[in-house]
């Protein structure tokens, strides 16, 4: 899951080296904390949060295969 999120975000940002994803795993849920460079924050969130919502939708669809619940948090 972590690799999928990194792959998606790398395509969006200008500074792919500054991406970091931290996984916090529970029994049935997985929290992915995404950090990007401050200049890339707008590109990851998008207008009115549309890109962030799309990223979360893709991650949730991928998590269904593993019977998990995924939460993507974009942290500054």
PDB file of N, CA and C in Angstrom:
ATOM      1  N   UNK A   1       0.828  -1.198   0.000  1.00  0.00           N
ATOM      2  CA  UNK A   1       0.000   0.000   0.000  1.00  0.00           C
ATOM      3  C   UNK A   1       0.869   1.259   0.000  1.00  0.00           C
ATOM      4  N   UNK A   2       1.927   1.207   0.798  1.00  0.00           N
ATOM      5  CA  UNK A   2       2.827   2.355   0.891  1.00  0.00           C
ATOM      6  C   UNK A   2       3.452   2.657  -0.475  1.00  0.00           C
ATOM      7  N   UNK A   3       3.855   1.602  -1.177  1.00  0.00           N
ATOM      8  CA  UNK A   3       4.501   1.772  -2.479  1.00  0.00           C
ATOM      9  C   UNK A   3       3.536   2.363  -3.498  1.00  0.00           C
ATOM     10  N   UNK A   4       2.280   1.930  -3.448  1.00  0.00           N
ATOM     11  CA  UNK A   4       1.271   2.463  -4.367  1.00  0.00           C
ATOM     12  C   UNK A   4       1.076   3.956  -4.150  1.00  0.00           C
ATOM     13  N   UNK A   5       0.972   4.372  -2.891  1.00  0.00           N
ATOM     14  CA  UNK A   5       0.797   5.791  -2.589  1.00  0.00           C
ATOM     15  C   UNK A   5       1.998   6.599  -3.065  1.00  0.00           C
ATOM     16  N   UNK A   6       3.209   6.091  -2.819  1.00  0.00           N
ATOM     17  CA  UNK A   6       4.416   6.804  -3.252  1.00  0.00           C
ATOM     18  C   UNK A   6       4.456   6.941  -4.770  1.00  0.00           C
ATOM     19  N   UNK A   7       4.065   5.889  -5.481  1.00  0.00           N
ATOM     20  CA  UNK A   7       4.071   5.922  -6.944  1.00  0.00           C
ATOM     21  C   UNK A   7       3.104   6.967  -7.479  1.00  0.00           C
ATOM     22  N   UNK A   8       1.923   7.022  -6.899  1.00  0.00           N
ATOM     23  CA  UNK A   8       0.912   8.000  -7.340  1.00  0.00           C
ATOM     24  C   UNK A   8       1.407   9.421  -7.087  1.00  0.00           C
ATOM     25  N   UNK A   9       1.929   9.667  -5.900  1.00  0.00           N
ATOM     26  CA  UNK A   9       2.336  11.024  -5.519  1.00  0.00           C
ATOM     27  C   UNK A   9       3.579  11.470  -6.279  1.00  0.00           C
ATOM     28  N   UNK A  10       4.513  10.549  -6.567  1.00  0.00           N
ATOM     29  CA  UNK A  10       5.718  10.901  -7.322  1.00  0.00           C
ATOM     30  C   UNK A  10       5.384  11.515  -8.680  1.00  0.00           C
ATOM     31  N   UNK A  11       4.298  11.038  -9.297  1.00  0.00           N
ATOM     32  CA  UNK A  11       3.903  11.551 -10.605  1.00  0.00           C
ATOM     33  C   UNK A  11       3.353  12.977 -10.520  1.00  0.00           C
ATOM     34  N   UNK A  12       2.945  13.407  -9.337  1.00  0.00           N
ATOM     35  CA  UNK A  12       2.298  14.712  -9.185  1.00  0.00           C
ATOM     36  C   UNK A  12       3.251  15.834  -8.773  1.00  0.00           C
ATOM     37  N   UNK A  13       4.274  15.522  -8.002  1.00  0.00           N
ATOM     38  CA  UNK A  13       5.074  16.569  -7.362  1.00  0.00           C
ATOM     39  C   UNK A  13       6.322  16.931  -8.168  1.00  0.00           C
ATOM     40  N   UNK A  14       6.915  18.087  -7.836  1.00  0.00           N
ATOM     41  CA  UNK A  14       8.161  18.540  -8.454  1.00  0.00           C
ATOM     42  C   UNK A  14       9.382  17.977  -7.738  1.00  0.00           C
ATOM     43  N   UNK A  15       9.248  17.688  -6.433  1.00  0.00           N
ATOM     44  CA  UNK A  15      10.362  17.189  -5.631  1.00  0.00           C
ATOM     45  C   UNK A  15      10.060  15.773  -5.121  1.00  0.00           C
ATOM     46  N   UNK A  16      10.189  14.756  -5.980  1.00  0.00           N
ATOM     47  CA  UNK A  16       9.838  13.401  -5.549  1.00  0.00           C
ATOM     48  C   UNK A  16      10.744  12.846  -4.454  1.00  0.00           C
ATOM     49  N   UNK A  17      11.931  13.436  -4.278  1.00  0.00           N
ATOM     50  CA  UNK A  17      12.851  12.947  -3.245  1.00  0.00           C
ATOM     51  C   UNK A  17      12.386  13.322  -1.842  1.00  0.00           C
ATOM     52  N   UNK A  18      11.509  14.301  -1.732  1.00  0.00           N
ATOM     53  CA  UNK A  18      11.063  14.772  -0.421  1.00  0.00           C
ATOM     54  C   UNK A  18       9.760  14.125   0.035  1.00  0.00           C
ATOM     55  N   UNK A  19       9.330  13.082  -0.661  1.00  0.00           N
ATOM     56  CA  UNK A  19       8.118  12.363  -0.268  1.00  0.00           C
ATOM     57  C   UNK A  19       8.472  11.372   0.832  1.00  0.00           C
ATOM     58  N   UNK A  20       7.656  11.347   1.886  1.00  0.00           N
ATOM     59  CA  UNK A  20       7.813  10.305   2.893  1.00  0.00           C
ATOM     60  C   UNK A  20       6.432   9.813   3.309  1.00  0.00           C
ATOM     61  N   UNK A  21       6.322   8.499   3.448  1.00  0.00           N
ATOM     62  CA  UNK A  21       5.068   7.874   3.838  1.00  0.00           C
ATOM     63  C   UNK A  21       5.330   7.038   5.068  1.00  0.00           C
ATOM     64  N   UNK A  22       4.560   7.290   6.123  1.00  0.00           N
ATOM     65  CA  UNK A  22       4.678   6.539   7.371  1.00  0.00           C
ATOM     66  C   UNK A  22       3.424   5.683   7.534  1.00  0.00           C
ATOM     67  N   UNK A  23       3.619   4.397   7.789  1.00  0.00           N
ATOM     68  CA  UNK A  23       2.497   3.482   7.965  1.00  0.00           C
ATOM     69  C   UNK A  23       2.244   3.251   9.448  1.00  0.00           C
ATOM     70  N   UNK A  24       1.000   3.399   9.860  1.00  0.00           N
ATOM     71  CA  UNK A  24       0.573   3.056  11.216  1.00  0.00           C
ATOM     72  C   UNK A  24      -0.500   1.995  11.048  1.00  0.00           C
ATOM     73  N   UNK A  25      -0.188   0.763  11.438  1.00  0.00           N
ATOM     74  CA  UNK A  25      -1.081  -0.352  11.159  1.00  0.00           C
ATOM     75  C   UNK A  25      -1.811  -0.818  12.402  1.00  0.00           C
ATOM     76  N   UNK A  26      -3.109  -1.021  12.230  1.00  0.00           N
ATOM     77  CA  UNK A  26      -3.933  -1.591  13.283  1.00  0.00           C
ATOM     78  C   UNK A  26      -4.434  -2.953  12.832  1.00  0.00           C
ATOM     79  N   UNK A  27      -5.414  -3.508  13.538  1.00  0.00           N
ATOM     80  CA  UNK A  27      -5.932  -4.822  13.166  1.00  0.00           C
ATOM     81  C   UNK A  27      -6.625  -4.797  11.812  1.00  0.00           C
ATOM     82  N   UNK A  28      -7.589  -3.912  11.659  1.00  0.00           N
ATOM     83  CA  UNK A  28      -8.369  -3.850  10.423  1.00  0.00           C
ATOM     84  C   UNK A  28      -8.139  -2.573   9.640  1.00  0.00           C
ATOM     85  N   UNK A  29      -7.325  -1.671  10.167  1.00  0.00           N
ATOM     86  CA  UNK A  29      -7.139  -0.398   9.479  1.00  0.00           C
ATOM     87  C   UNK A  29      -5.655  -0.093   9.300  1.00  0.00           C
ATOM     88  N   UNK A  30      -5.392   0.771   8.346  1.00  0.00           N
ATOM     89  CA  UNK A  30      -4.032   1.190   8.043  1.00  0.00           C
ATOM     90  C   UNK A  30      -4.066   2.692   7.799  1.00  0.00           C
ATOM     91  N   UNK A  31      -3.247   3.420   8.535  1.00  0.00           N
ATOM     92  CA  UNK A  31      -3.158   4.867   8.357  1.00  0.00           C
ATOM     93  C   UNK A  31      -1.854   5.167   7.623  1.00  0.00           C
ATOM     94  N   UNK A  32      -1.955   5.878   6.524  1.00  0.00           N
ATOM     95  CA  UNK A  32      -0.785   6.279   5.760  1.00  0.00           C
ATOM     96  C   UNK A  32      -0.614   7.787   5.914  1.00  0.00           C
ATOM     97  N   UNK A  33       0.481   8.191   6.535  1.00  0.00           N
ATOM     98  CA  UNK A  33       0.771   9.612   6.737  1.00  0.00           C
ATOM     99  C   UNK A  33       1.705  10.065   5.626  1.00  0.00           C
ATOM    100  N   UNK A  34       1.230  10.955   4.781  1.00  0.00           N
ATOM    101  CA  UNK A  34       1.986  11.429   3.623  1.00  0.00           C
ATOM    102  C   UNK A  34       2.558  12.807   3.899  1.00  0.00           C
ATOM    103  N   UNK A  35       3.865  12.931   3.681  1.00  0.00           N
ATOM    104  CA  UNK A  35       4.534  14.234   3.806  1.00  0.00           C
ATOM    105  C   UNK A  35       5.193  14.557   2.474  1.00  0.00           C
ATOM    106  N   UNK A  36       4.990  15.788   2.013  1.00  0.00           N
ATOM    107  CA  UNK A  36       5.629  16.256   0.780  1.00  0.00           C
ATOM    108  C   UNK A  36       6.263  17.611   1.060  1.00  0.00           C
ATOM    109  N   UNK A  37       7.046  18.096   0.105  1.00  0.00           N
ATOM    110  CA  UNK A  37       7.666  19.415   0.242  1.00  0.00           C
ATOM    111  C   UNK A  37       6.558  20.477   0.316  1.00  0.00           C
ATOM    112  N   UNK A  38       6.795  21.561   1.064  1.00  0.00           N
ATOM    113  CA  UNK A  38       5.760  22.598   1.198  1.00  0.00           C
ATOM    114  C   UNK A  38       5.281  23.157  -0.144  1.00  0.00           C
ATOM    115  N   UNK A  39       6.164  23.263  -1.117  1.00  0.00           N
ATOM    116  CA  UNK A  39       5.778  23.781  -2.428  1.00  0.00           C
ATOM    117  C   UNK A  39       4.899  22.828  -3.219  1.00  0.00           C
ATOM    118  N   UNK A  40       4.947  21.551  -2.870  1.00  0.00           N
ATOM    119  CA  UNK A  40       4.162  20.539  -3.580  1.00  0.00           C
ATOM    120  C   UNK A  40       2.824  20.252  -2.913  1.00  0.00           C
ATOM    121  N   UNK A  41       2.568  20.862  -1.780  1.00  0.00           N
ATOM    122  CA  UNK A  41       1.340  20.577  -1.032  1.00  0.00           C
ATOM    123  C   UNK A  41       0.091  20.864  -1.867  1.00  0.00           C
ATOM    124  N   UNK A  42       0.092  21.967  -2.583  1.00  0.00           N
ATOM    125  CA  UNK A  42      -1.064  22.328  -3.400  1.00  0.00           C
ATOM    126  C   UNK A  42      -1.302  21.351  -4.539  1.00  0.00           C
ATOM    127  N   UNK A  43      -0.225  20.798  -5.083  1.00  0.00           N
ATOM    128  CA  UNK A  43      -0.367  19.836  -6.177  1.00  0.00           C
ATOM    129  C   UNK A  43      -0.966  18.527  -5.695  1.00  0.00           C
ATOM    130  N   UNK A  44      -0.662  18.140  -4.472  1.00  0.00           N
ATOM    131  CA  UNK A  44      -1.182  16.892  -3.922  1.00  0.00           C
ATOM    132  C   UNK A  44      -2.638  17.060  -3.488  1.00  0.00           C
ATOM    133  N   UNK A  45      -2.976  18.234  -2.974  1.00  0.00           N
ATOM    134  CA  UNK A  45      -4.344  18.464  -2.516  1.00  0.00           C
ATOM    135  C   UNK A  45      -5.260  18.818  -3.685  1.00  0.00           C
ATOM    136  N   UNK A  46      -4.825  19.676  -4.577  1.00  0.00           N
ATOM    137  CA  UNK A  46      -5.620  20.038  -5.744  1.00  0.00           C
ATOM    138  C   UNK A  46      -6.683  21.073  -5.423  1.00  0.00           C
ATOM    139  N   UNK A  47      -7.365  21.528  -6.447  1.00  0.00           N
ATOM    140  CA  UNK A  47      -8.417  22.524  -6.257  1.00  0.00           C
ATOM    141  C   UNK A  47      -9.575  21.889  -5.511  1.00  0.00           C
ATOM    142  N   UNK A  48      -9.955  22.523  -4.424  1.00  0.00           N
ATOM    143  CA  UNK A  48     -11.042  22.066  -3.558  1.00  0.00           C
ATOM    144  C   UNK A  48     -10.844  20.628  -3.088  1.00  0.00           C
ATOM    145  N   UNK A  49      -9.582  20.188  -3.034  1.00  0.00           N
ATOM    146  CA  UNK A  49      -9.279  18.857  -2.508  1.00  0.00           C
ATOM    147  C   UNK A  49      -9.590  17.716  -3.454  1.00  0.00           C
ATOM    148  N   UNK A  50      -9.751  17.997  -4.729  1.00  0.00           N
ATOM    149  CA  UNK A  50     -10.150  16.961  -5.682  1.00  0.00           C
ATOM    150  C   UNK A  50      -9.081  15.893  -5.862  1.00  0.00           C
ATOM    151  N   UNK A  51      -7.814  16.284  -5.966  1.00  0.00           N
ATOM    152  CA  UNK A  51      -6.752  15.301  -6.168  1.00  0.00           C
ATOM    153  C   UNK A  51      -6.575  14.455  -4.917  1.00  0.00           C
ATOM    154  N   UNK A  52      -6.634  15.081  -3.750  1.00  0.00           N
ATOM    155  CA  UNK A  52      -6.527  14.331  -2.496  1.00  0.00           C
ATOM    156  C   UNK A  52      -7.664  13.322  -2.384  1.00  0.00           C
ATOM    157  N   UNK A  53      -8.848  13.718  -2.768  1.00  0.00           N
ATOM    158  CA  UNK A  53      -9.997  12.809  -2.727  1.00  0.00           C
ATOM    159  C   UNK A  53      -9.803  11.648  -3.691  1.00  0.00           C
ATOM    160  N   UNK A  54      -9.273  11.925  -4.878  1.00  0.00           N
ATOM    161  CA  UNK A  54      -9.027  10.875  -5.864  1.00  0.00           C
ATOM    162  C   UNK A  54      -7.966   9.888  -5.364  1.00  0.00           C
ATOM    163  N   UNK A  55      -6.914  10.412  -4.723  1.00  0.00           N
ATOM    164  CA  UNK A  55      -5.874   9.538  -4.158  1.00  0.00           C
ATOM    165  C   UNK A  55      -6.487   8.632  -3.098  1.00  0.00           C
ATOM    166  N   UNK A  56      -7.302   9.202  -2.225  1.00  0.00           N
ATOM    167  CA  UNK A  56      -7.941   8.400  -1.171  1.00  0.00           C
ATOM    168  C   UNK A  56      -8.857   7.331  -1.763  1.00  0.00           C
ATOM    169  N   UNK A  57      -9.568   7.663  -2.830  1.00  0.00           N
ATOM    170  CA  UNK A  57     -10.466   6.708  -3.475  1.00  0.00           C
ATOM    171  C   UNK A  57      -9.682   5.528  -4.052  1.00  0.00           C
ATOM    172  N   UNK A  58      -8.576   5.801  -4.718  1.00  0.00           N
ATOM    173  CA  UNK A  58      -7.745   4.730  -5.284  1.00  0.00           C
ATOM    174  C   UNK A  58      -7.177   3.850  -4.178  1.00  0.00           C
ATOM    175  N   UNK A  59      -6.728   4.468  -3.090  1.00  0.00           N
ATOM    176  CA  UNK A  59      -6.150   3.696  -1.991  1.00  0.00           C
ATOM    177  C   UNK A  59      -7.212   2.822  -1.325  1.00  0.00           C
ATOM    178  N   UNK A  60      -8.418   3.337  -1.175  1.00  0.00           N
ATOM    179  CA  UNK A  60      -9.497   2.539  -0.581  1.00  0.00           C
ATOM    180  C   UNK A  60      -9.856   1.362  -1.468  1.00  0.00           C
ATOM    181  N   UNK A  61      -9.864   1.578  -2.777  1.00  0.00           N
ATOM    182  CA  UNK A  61     -10.166   0.489  -3.709  1.00  0.00           C
ATOM    183  C   UNK A  61      -9.094  -0.597  -3.635  1.00  0.00           C
ATOM    184  N   UNK A  62      -7.844  -0.211  -3.502  1.00  0.00           N
ATOM    185  CA  UNK A  62      -6.755  -1.189  -3.391  1.00  0.00           C
ATOM    186  C   UNK A  62      -6.826  -1.930  -2.062  1.00  0.00           C
ATOM    187  N   UNK A  63      -7.317  -1.270  -1.015  1.00  0.00           N
ATOM    188  CA  UNK A  63      -7.379  -1.881   0.319  1.00  0.00           C
ATOM    189  C   UNK A  63      -8.482  -2.929   0.418  1.00  0.00           C
ATOM    190  N   UNK A  64      -9.486  -2.833  -0.438  1.00  0.00           N
ATOM    191  CA  UNK A  64     -10.587  -3.796  -0.398  1.00  0.00           C
ATOM    192  C   UNK A  64     -10.058  -5.211  -0.631  1.00  0.00           C
ATOM    193  N   UNK A  65      -9.053  -5.346  -1.473  1.00  0.00           N
ATOM    194  CA  UNK A  65      -8.470  -6.655  -1.752  1.00  0.00           C
ATOM    195  C   UNK A  65      -7.861  -7.290  -0.503  1.00  0.00           C
ATOM    196  N   UNK A  66      -7.364  -6.468   0.395  1.00  0.00           N
ATOM    197  CA  UNK A  66      -6.712  -6.967   1.607  1.00  0.00           C
ATOM    198  C   UNK A  66      -7.643  -6.947   2.818  1.00  0.00           C
ATOM    199  N   UNK A  67      -8.919  -6.654   2.602  1.00  0.00           N
ATOM    200  CA  UNK A  67      -9.905  -6.560   3.684  1.00  0.00           C
ATOM    201  C   UNK A  67      -9.448  -5.605   4.783  1.00  0.00           C
ATOM    202  N   UNK A  68      -8.907  -4.477   4.382  1.00  0.00           N
ATOM    203  CA  UNK A  68      -8.461  -3.454   5.332  1.00  0.00           C
ATOM    204  C   UNK A  68      -9.157  -2.150   5.026  1.00  0.00           C
ATOM    205  N   UNK A  69      -9.066  -1.249   5.973  1.00  0.00           N
ATOM    206  CA  UNK A  69      -9.574   0.107   5.808  1.00  0.00           C
ATOM    207  C   UNK A  69      -8.355   1.023   5.792  1.00  0.00           C
ATOM    208  N   UNK A  70      -8.268   1.860   4.778  1.00  0.00           N
ATOM    209  CA  UNK A  70      -7.106   2.739   4.630  1.00  0.00           C
ATOM    210  C   UNK A  70      -7.520   4.183   4.821  1.00  0.00           C
ATOM    211  N   UNK A  71      -6.726   4.905   5.590  1.00  0.00           N
ATOM    212  CA  UNK A  71      -6.922   6.340   5.780  1.00  0.00           C
ATOM    213  C   UNK A  71      -5.634   7.023   5.327  1.00  0.00           C
ATOM    214  N   UNK A  72      -5.750   7.959   4.389  1.00  0.00           N
ATOM    215  CA  UNK A  72      -4.591   8.709   3.913  1.00  0.00           C
ATOM    216  C   UNK A  72      -4.646  10.094   4.531  1.00  0.00           C
ATOM    217  N   UNK A  73      -3.618  10.416   5.300  1.00  0.00           N
ATOM    218  CA  UNK A  73      -3.525  11.737   5.933  1.00  0.00           C
ATOM    219  C   UNK A  73      -2.384  12.496   5.278  1.00  0.00           C
ATOM    220  N   UNK A  74      -2.681  13.694   4.822  1.00  0.00           N
ATOM    221  CA  UNK A  74      -1.649  14.549   4.224  1.00  0.00           C
ATOM    222  C   UNK A  74      -1.184  15.514   5.294  1.00  0.00           C
ATOM    223  N   UNK A  75       0.062  15.363   5.702  1.00  0.00           N
ATOM    224  CA  UNK A  75       0.597  16.119   6.840  1.00  0.00           C
ATOM    225  C   UNK A  75       1.636  17.117   6.339  1.00  0.00           C
ATOM    226  N   UNK A  76       1.591  18.303   6.913  1.00  0.00           N
ATOM    227  CA  UNK A  76       2.544  19.348   6.511  1.00  0.00           C
ATOM    228  C   UNK A  76       3.779  19.295   7.374  1.00  0.00           C
TER     229      UNK A  76
END
